[in-house]
């Protein structure tokens, strides 16, 4: 039975790379974004970055192969979409889907926690902290 559930979950549109290891919502969410880069990429998208080169300018220093892998996985999981903005060479911009944008309050909560418990973390922009999912 569990195998059937996993097979169905892996074929649901927008969840191509997702496989559920348990019914726990925390574990299931971490299966999508629990790596070291996905939330950073979501943060950048929420703050206006959309092009590959823009993501590379973030202070965390993601490598190009990891960025390409994470963007592809996030697209397969229905968190982002990509749209071509140049044909030769072909280049894409990335945009949050409603499913991806719904991570905003999670990132805001991480900011609050990090500022309260991790000395030396920078204060996020007020506009980011005041933003709501539907904006």
Protein backbone atom coordinates (compact mmCIF):
# COMPACT_ATOMS: atom_id res chain seq x y z
CA UNK A 1 0.00 0.00 0.00
CA UNK A 2 2.78 2.46 0.92
CA UNK A 3 4.52 1.80 -2.39
CA UNK A 4 1.31 2.66 -4.25
CA UNK A 5 0.96 5.93 -2.33
CA UNK A 6 4.56 6.87 -3.11
CA UNK A 7 4.10 6.04 -6.78
CA UNK A 8 0.95 8.17 -6.99
CA UNK A 9 2.60 11.06 -5.12
CA UNK A 10 5.55 11.03 -7.50
CA UNK A 11 3.25 11.35 -10.51
CA UNK A 12 1.07 14.20 -9.26
CA UNK A 13 1.50 17.29 -11.46
CA UNK A 14 3.93 19.73 -9.89
CA UNK A 15 5.42 17.12 -7.60
CA UNK A 16 7.78 15.25 -9.91
CA UNK A 17 10.76 14.97 -7.56
CA UNK A 18 8.70 14.71 -4.39
CA UNK A 19 8.50 11.41 -2.53
CA UNK A 20 6.79 11.28 0.83
CA UNK A 21 8.68 9.46 3.60
CA UNK A 22 5.97 9.97 6.22
CA UNK A 23 2.69 11.74 6.84
CA UNK A 24 4.39 14.33 9.06
CA UNK A 25 3.87 17.77 7.48
CA UNK A 26 7.29 18.95 8.68
CA UNK A 27 9.14 15.95 7.25
CA UNK A 28 7.11 16.16 4.05
CA UNK A 29 7.88 19.87 3.64
CA UNK A 30 11.55 19.23 4.28
CA UNK A 31 11.50 16.61 1.53
CA UNK A 32 10.81 19.53 -0.84
CA UNK A 33 12.93 22.34 0.59
CA UNK A 34 15.09 20.81 3.32
CA UNK A 35 18.37 21.03 1.45
CA UNK A 36 20.76 23.87 2.15
CA UNK A 37 19.79 26.00 -0.89
CA UNK A 38 16.06 25.86 -1.67
CA UNK A 39 14.93 28.33 0.99
CA UNK A 40 17.72 30.72 -0.01
CA UNK A 41 16.53 30.57 -3.63
CA UNK A 42 12.93 31.12 -2.48
CA UNK A 43 14.14 34.11 -0.44
CA UNK A 44 15.83 35.56 -3.51
CA UNK A 45 12.75 35.03 -5.66
CA UNK A 46 10.58 36.71 -3.03
CA UNK A 47 13.00 39.64 -3.05
CA UNK A 48 12.82 40.17 -6.80
CA UNK A 49 15.58 38.04 -8.30
CA UNK A 50 14.49 35.99 -11.29
CA UNK A 51 17.49 35.33 -13.51
CA UNK A 52 20.22 32.76 -13.11
CA UNK A 53 23.02 35.34 -12.91
CA UNK A 54 21.12 37.25 -10.21
CA UNK A 55 20.95 34.17 -7.98
CA UNK A 56 24.71 33.78 -8.32
CA UNK A 57 25.26 37.23 -6.78
CA UNK A 58 23.77 36.20 -3.42
CA UNK A 59 26.29 36.29 -0.57
CA UNK A 60 25.94 32.56 0.18
CA UNK A 61 27.84 31.70 -3.02
CA UNK A 62 25.81 28.88 -4.57
CA UNK A 63 27.67 27.00 -7.29
CA UNK A 64 26.26 26.94 -10.81
CA UNK A 65 25.65 23.17 -10.88
CA UNK A 66 23.78 23.23 -7.56
CA UNK A 67 21.72 26.25 -8.65
CA UNK A 68 20.75 24.51 -11.90
CA UNK A 69 19.81 21.34 -10.01
CA UNK A 70 17.73 23.14 -7.36
CA UNK A 71 15.88 25.32 -9.91
CA UNK A 72 15.03 22.21 -11.95
CA UNK A 73 13.81 20.36 -8.85
CA UNK A 74 11.79 23.38 -7.68
CA UNK A 75 10.20 23.63 -11.12
CA UNK A 76 9.40 19.91 -11.09
CA UNK A 77 7.87 20.28 -7.61
CA UNK A 78 5.65 23.16 -8.73
CA UNK A 79 7.37 25.86 -6.65
CA UNK A 80 8.66 27.89 -9.62
CA UNK A 81 8.01 28.28 -13.31
CA UNK A 82 10.53 29.32 -15.92
CA UNK A 83 9.98 31.56 -18.91
CA UNK A 84 12.41 32.22 -21.74
CA UNK A 85 13.63 35.81 -21.96
CA UNK A 86 16.31 35.25 -24.60
CA UNK A 87 16.41 32.78 -27.50
CA UNK A 88 20.09 32.71 -28.54
CA UNK A 89 21.52 31.51 -26.29
CA UNK A 90 18.34 30.30 -24.62
CA UNK A 91 17.98 31.84 -21.16
CA UNK A 92 15.18 31.70 -18.65
CA UNK A 93 13.74 33.76 -15.84
CA UNK A 94 12.21 32.01 -12.85
CA UNK A 95 9.03 32.99 -11.06
CA UNK A 96 7.24 31.72 -7.99
CA UNK A 97 4.04 29.79 -8.35
CA UNK A 98 1.35 30.31 -5.69
CA UNK A 99 2.66 27.11 -4.08
CA UNK A 100 6.19 28.58 -3.90
CA UNK A 101 4.99 32.01 -2.75
CA UNK A 102 3.16 30.31 0.12
CA UNK A 103 6.58 29.77 1.74
CA UNK A 104 6.75 33.52 2.54
CA UNK A 105 5.46 33.22 6.14
CA UNK A 106 7.85 30.31 6.74
CA UNK A 107 10.80 32.45 5.64
CA UNK A 108 9.56 35.38 7.71
CA UNK A 109 9.34 33.12 10.77
CA UNK A 110 12.90 31.88 10.14
CA UNK A 111 14.05 35.52 10.00
CA UNK A 112 12.41 36.28 13.34
CA UNK A 113 13.89 33.16 14.93
CA UNK A 114 17.34 33.77 13.44
CA UNK A 115 17.44 37.39 14.59
CA UNK A 116 16.39 36.36 18.11
CA UNK A 117 18.76 33.40 18.50
CA UNK A 118 21.71 33.81 16.12
CA UNK A 119 23.91 36.80 16.96
CA UNK A 120 25.27 38.67 13.96
CA UNK A 121 22.42 37.92 11.57
CA UNK A 122 21.26 40.90 9.55
CA UNK A 123 17.82 42.38 9.90
CA UNK A 124 15.68 41.60 6.85
CA UNK A 125 14.17 44.51 4.93
CA UNK A 126 10.99 45.84 6.53
CA UNK A 127 9.17 45.45 3.21
CA UNK A 128 9.98 41.73 3.17
CA UNK A 129 8.76 41.23 6.73
CA UNK A 130 5.54 43.22 6.12
CA UNK A 131 4.72 41.45 2.88
CA UNK A 132 1.83 38.99 2.70
CA UNK A 133 1.41 35.98 0.43
CA UNK A 134 -1.21 37.67 -1.75
CA UNK A 135 0.96 40.73 -2.52
